[in-house]
Amino acid sequence: MIIKNTKLRNFFMFVSRHIGMAVRSIYYLVSVYSLIVIVAIILIAINITAIKQKNLDLHVYTGINKLLLSEHITNKKLIKENNLLKQKLFVVNKKQNSNIVVPDILINWVYKNSKKYIPKSDIISLVRETARYKTCYMLLAVFKEESGFDRYAHSSKGAKGLGQIRTSVWFKKLTKEHIWNKPIDAYDYKKNIAACNYILLSYRKEKGSWKKALYDYVNGNDGYVKRVLSNFAEISLLMNNSIGLHGLTINKKAR
């Protein structure tokens, strides 16, 4: 239909133009809203996945802990052997672990750099046990890189525990030195600390320096060595102005 009235034609053109603009505006708004909704859904999904992974890690962590605890409780012979082995560890402070007072600043540093699913109570017991060794700072520096202080960490190559020790390589030697009894001891944080201490000191004695010892410990990874030494320096500076305890200072003639 041809509209001959100019005013009427202009009116319809005005209305149609504004309707078109309104439709385009609504389209753009819907598109932006849809994009926001899609992004929100993706972020929520990522967050849910992260929470599920964290819960799974915590479940695995606590599950292994309960399994090992049950095994130690039911195996009286193993407990007796463990108590005898305590006398043979390379320790400085021979007091019971619970009597060792560790500065909060060190515990907080370890907790801050640990896996988020690890309870702080486990971090405290880990640091207290590590504080019994002259190599305390170096052990903690290594544990941060190797496992994030997860005592049940394991790799596809068979490395286990805090120090990611490969049982296929070290089990016989550690058994001979009365540090381990069986491969599962890699997940016992006290025995893993003792084993890592032994291995590091063995390499250090052979190579003459911590840097060379770390190269051997990780099979020549330059970046790893730099990160561990950086961790060691950070802990040393952190504790420099704090009141330490016997066994927290790295002795140049560590034994």
Protein backbone atom coordinates (compact mmCIF):
# COMPACT_ATOMS: atom_id res chain seq x y z
CA MET A 1 0.00 0.00 0.00
CA ILE A 2 1.37 3.39 -1.01
CA ILE A 3 0.98 6.06 1.66
CA LYS A 4 0.35 9.35 -0.09
CA ASN A 5 0.09 11.46 3.06
CA THR A 6 3.58 12.77 3.78
CA LYS A 7 3.02 13.27 7.49
CA LEU A 8 1.58 9.80 7.88
CA ARG A 9 4.48 8.32 5.89
CA ASN A 10 6.99 10.14 8.04
CA PHE A 11 5.24 8.91 11.19
CA PHE A 12 5.44 5.28 10.08
CA MET A 13 9.10 5.71 9.12
CA PHE A 14 9.82 7.24 12.55
CA VAL A 15 8.02 4.41 14.34
CA SER A 16 9.64 1.66 12.26
CA ARG A 17 13.10 3.21 12.71
CA HIS A 18 12.73 3.37 16.51
CA ILE A 19 11.26 -0.09 16.68
CA GLY A 20 14.31 -1.32 14.76
CA MET A 21 16.64 0.48 17.14
CA ALA A 22 14.78 -0.97 20.13
CA VAL A 23 14.98 -4.48 18.67
CA ARG A 24 18.72 -4.09 18.02
CA SER A 25 19.25 -2.76 21.56
CA ILE A 26 17.35 -5.67 23.04
CA TYR A 27 19.39 -8.05 20.87
CA TYR A 28 22.66 -6.54 22.07
CA LEU A 29 21.52 -6.57 25.69
CA VAL A 30 20.45 -10.19 25.41
CA SER A 31 23.80 -11.06 23.78
CA VAL A 32 25.79 -9.31 26.50
CA TYR A 33 23.61 -10.85 29.22
CA SER A 34 24.02 -14.29 27.64
CA LEU A 35 27.78 -13.80 27.51
CA ILE A 36 27.85 -12.78 31.17
CA VAL A 37 25.74 -15.81 32.10
CA ILE A 38 28.00 -18.13 30.11
CA VAL A 39 31.15 -16.68 31.74
CA ALA A 40 29.52 -16.94 35.17
CA ILE A 41 28.59 -20.58 34.53
CA ILE A 42 32.16 -21.37 33.41
CA LEU A 43 33.63 -19.69 36.51
CA ILE A 44 31.21 -21.54 38.77
CA ALA A 45 32.07 -24.82 37.06
CA ILE A 46 35.80 -24.15 37.48
CA ASN A 47 35.27 -23.27 41.14
CA ILE A 48 33.19 -26.40 41.75
CA THR A 49 35.86 -28.50 40.03
CA ALA A 50 38.57 -26.91 42.20
CA ILE A 51 36.52 -27.55 45.34
CA LYS A 52 35.90 -31.16 44.32
CA GLN A 53 39.62 -31.63 43.63
CA LYS A 54 40.50 -30.09 46.98
CA ASN A 55 37.99 -32.36 48.73
CA LEU A 56 39.34 -35.34 46.80
CA ASP A 57 42.92 -34.48 47.78
CA LEU A 58 41.84 -34.06 51.39
CA HIS A 59 39.93 -37.37 51.24
CA VAL A 60 42.96 -39.18 49.82
CA TYR A 61 45.27 -37.49 52.33
CA THR A 62 43.11 -38.38 55.36
CA GLY A 63 42.37 -41.82 53.94
CA ILE A 64 46.05 -42.74 53.65
CA ASN A 65 46.64 -41.24 57.09
CA LYS A 66 43.93 -43.47 58.63
CA LEU A 67 45.24 -46.51 56.75
CA LEU A 68 48.80 -46.03 57.99
CA LEU A 69 47.61 -45.21 61.51
CA SER A 70 45.53 -48.39 61.56
CA GLU A 71 48.49 -50.42 60.34
CA HIS A 72 50.81 -49.00 63.01
CA ILE A 73 48.23 -49.59 65.76
CA THR A 74 47.57 -53.18 64.77
CA ASN A 75 51.19 -54.12 64.14
CA LYS A 76 52.76 -54.11 67.60
CA LYS A 77 55.97 -55.60 66.30
CA LEU A 78 56.42 -52.72 63.87
CA ILE A 79 55.79 -50.17 66.63
CA LYS A 80 58.45 -51.82 68.78
CA GLU A 81 60.90 -51.75 65.87
CA ASN A 82 60.11 -48.10 65.22
CA ASN A 83 60.86 -47.20 68.82
CA LEU A 84 64.22 -48.96 68.59
CA LEU A 85 65.03 -47.19 65.33
CA LYS A 86 64.52 -43.77 66.91
CA GLN A 87 67.83 -44.25 68.69
CA LYS A 88 69.66 -44.65 65.36
CA LEU A 89 68.40 -41.52 63.56
CA PHE A 90 70.80 -38.68 62.76
CA VAL A 91 69.30 -36.25 65.27
CA VAL A 92 70.58 -33.28 67.23
CA ASN A 93 67.82 -32.79 69.76
CA LYS A 94 67.07 -36.13 71.39
CA LYS A 95 64.08 -34.90 73.37
CA GLN A 96 60.63 -36.18 72.46
CA ASN A 97 59.12 -34.51 69.42
CA SER A 98 56.24 -33.02 71.45
CA ASN A 99 58.70 -31.16 73.71
CA ILE A 100 60.39 -29.30 70.86
CA VAL A 101 59.24 -25.69 70.67
CA VAL A 102 59.39 -24.34 67.12
CA PRO A 103 58.97 -20.61 66.38
CA ASP A 104 55.55 -19.80 64.96
CA ILE A 105 57.19 -17.82 62.17
CA LEU A 106 58.69 -21.03 60.76
CA ILE A 107 55.47 -23.03 61.13
CA ASN A 108 53.53 -20.24 59.40
CA TRP A 109 56.01 -20.15 56.52
CA VAL A 110 55.67 -23.89 55.96
CA TYR A 111 51.88 -23.76 56.27
CA LYS A 112 51.70 -20.87 53.78
CA ASN A 113 53.75 -22.83 51.24
CA SER A 114 52.04 -26.18 51.76
CA LYS A 115 49.20 -27.77 49.83
CA LYS A 116 45.93 -26.16 50.90
CA TYR A 117 44.30 -29.44 51.95
CA ILE A 118 46.96 -30.25 54.57
CA PRO A 119 45.81 -29.60 58.18
CA LYS A 120 47.94 -27.19 60.17
CA SER A 121 48.30 -29.80 62.93
CA ASP A 122 50.16 -32.01 60.43
CA ILE A 123 52.38 -29.09 59.46
CA ILE A 124 53.24 -28.46 63.11
CA SER A 125 54.22 -32.08 63.72
CA LEU A 126 56.21 -32.10 60.47
CA VAL A 127 58.18 -28.97 61.39
CA ARG A 128 58.81 -30.22 64.92
CA GLU A 129 60.21 -33.47 63.58
CA THR A 130 62.34 -31.69 60.99
CA ALA A 131 63.67 -29.32 63.69
CA ARG A 132 65.46 -32.26 65.29
CA TYR A 133 67.95 -32.30 62.40
CA LYS A 134 70.87 -29.99 61.72
CA THR A 135 69.72 -29.92 58.10
CA CYS A 136 66.32 -28.54 59.12
CA TYR A 137 66.30 -25.50 56.80
CA MET A 138 67.54 -27.50 53.83
CA LEU A 139 65.02 -30.29 54.43
CA LEU A 140 62.14 -27.81 54.50
CA ALA A 141 63.48 -26.10 51.38
CA VAL A 142 63.54 -29.45 49.57
CA PHE A 143 60.11 -30.53 50.81
CA LYS A 144 58.52 -27.35 49.47
CA GLU A 145 59.72 -28.14 45.95
CA GLU A 146 59.31 -31.90 46.07
CA SER A 147 55.87 -32.36 47.61
CA GLY A 148 54.46 -29.08 48.89
CA PHE A 149 54.80 -30.69 52.35
CA ASP A 150 52.35 -33.47 51.43
CA ARG A 151 53.60 -36.54 53.27
CA TYR A 152 51.55 -38.81 50.98
CA ALA A 153 52.67 -37.30 47.68
CA HIS A 154 53.67 -39.73 44.94
CA SER A 155 54.77 -39.44 41.33
CA SER A 156 54.42 -41.56 38.22
CA LYS A 157 58.12 -42.41 38.53
CA GLY A 158 57.65 -43.99 41.94
CA ALA A 159 58.89 -41.08 44.07
CA LYS A 160 57.09 -40.97 47.41
CA GLY A 161 56.56 -38.85 50.49
CA LEU A 162 57.83 -35.47 51.60
CA GLY A 163 61.21 -35.77 49.89
CA GLN A 164 59.87 -37.74 46.90
CA ILE A 165 62.26 -40.60 47.50
CA ARG A 166 62.30 -43.37 44.90
CA THR A 167 61.99 -46.66 46.77
CA SER A 168 63.33 -48.56 43.76
CA VAL A 169 66.62 -46.69 44.16
CA TRP A 170 66.98 -46.17 47.90
CA PHE A 171 65.01 -48.87 49.71
CA LYS A 172 67.85 -51.38 50.11
CA LYS A 173 70.28 -48.73 51.34
CA LEU A 174 67.78 -47.20 53.76
CA THR A 175 66.89 -50.65 55.08
CA LYS A 176 70.56 -51.42 55.60
CA GLU A 177 70.93 -48.17 57.56
CA HIS A 178 67.89 -49.13 59.71
CA ILE A 179 65.91 -46.09 58.60
CA TRP A 180 63.16 -48.00 56.75
CA ASN A 181 61.66 -51.45 57.20
CA LYS A 182 59.47 -51.66 54.10
CA PRO A 183 58.52 -49.51 51.08
CA ILE A 184 55.39 -48.08 52.74
CA ASP A 185 57.68 -46.34 55.24
CA ALA A 186 58.13 -43.71 52.53
CA TYR A 187 54.73 -42.35 53.59
CA ASP A 188 55.68 -42.20 57.27
CA TYR A 189 56.67 -38.56 57.60
CA LYS A 190 59.23 -39.21 60.35
CA LYS A 191 60.95 -41.94 58.37
CA ASN A 192 60.79 -39.94 55.16
CA ILE A 193 62.44 -36.98 56.89
CA ALA A 194 65.13 -39.30 58.28
CA ALA A 195 65.66 -40.84 54.84
CA CYS A 196 65.83 -37.48 53.08
CA ASN A 197 68.30 -36.25 55.70
CA TYR A 198 70.47 -39.32 55.16
CA ILE A 199 70.40 -39.00 51.36
CA LEU A 200 71.17 -35.28 51.35
CA LEU A 201 74.05 -35.68 53.80
CA SER A 202 75.41 -38.62 51.79
CA TYR A 203 75.46 -36.53 48.63
CA ARG A 204 76.90 -33.53 50.48
CA LYS A 205 79.69 -35.61 51.96
CA GLU A 206 80.47 -37.05 48.54
CA LYS A 207 80.25 -33.78 46.57
CA GLY A 208 81.43 -31.28 49.17
CA SER A 209 78.67 -28.67 48.85
CA TRP A 210 74.91 -28.33 49.13
CA LYS A 211 74.59 -27.10 45.56
CA LYS A 212 76.29 -30.19 44.11
CA ALA A 213 74.39 -32.42 46.53
CA LEU A 214 71.08 -30.98 45.29
CA TYR A 215 72.11 -31.53 41.67
CA ASP A 216 72.60 -35.22 42.44
CA TYR A 217 69.40 -35.39 44.50
CA VAL A 218 67.31 -34.25 41.53
CA ASN A 219 69.53 -35.58 38.71
CA GLY A 220 70.89 -32.27 37.47
CA ASN A 221 67.88 -29.94 37.24
CA ASP A 222 69.37 -26.45 37.41
CA GLY A 223 66.02 -24.69 37.98
CA TYR A 224 65.18 -27.03 40.85
CA VAL A 225 68.52 -26.39 42.56
CA LYS A 226 68.04 -22.61 42.30
CA ARG A 227 64.51 -22.82 43.75
CA VAL A 228 65.63 -24.98 46.68
CA LEU A 229 68.55 -22.67 47.47
CA SER A 230 66.15 -19.72 47.22
CA ASN A 231 63.82 -21.44 49.70
CA PHE A 232 66.77 -22.10 51.99
CA ALA A 233 67.83 -18.44 51.84
CA GLU A 234 64.27 -17.29 52.50
CA ILE A 235 63.97 -19.48 55.60
CA SER A 236 67.40 -18.41 56.84
CA LEU A 237 66.56 -14.72 56.48
CA LEU A 238 63.16 -15.26 58.06
CA MET A 239 64.69 -16.94 61.10
CA ASN A 240 67.75 -14.70 61.32
CA ASN A 241 66.14 -12.26 63.75
CA SER A 242 64.07 -14.88 65.57
CA ILE A 243 64.98 -16.82 68.68
CA GLY A 244 65.77 -20.24 67.31
CA LEU A 245 66.19 -23.57 68.99
CA HIS A 246 68.98 -26.07 69.12
CA GLY A 247 68.95 -27.99 65.87
CA LEU A 248 67.51 -25.24 63.65
CA THR A 249 70.88 -23.80 62.61
CA ILE A 250 72.56 -25.44 59.67
CA ASN A 251 76.00 -26.54 60.79
CA LYS A 252 78.72 -26.45 58.13
CA LYS A 253 79.90 -29.76 59.49
CA ALA A 254 76.48 -31.40 59.59
CA ARG A 255 76.46 -34.93 60.80
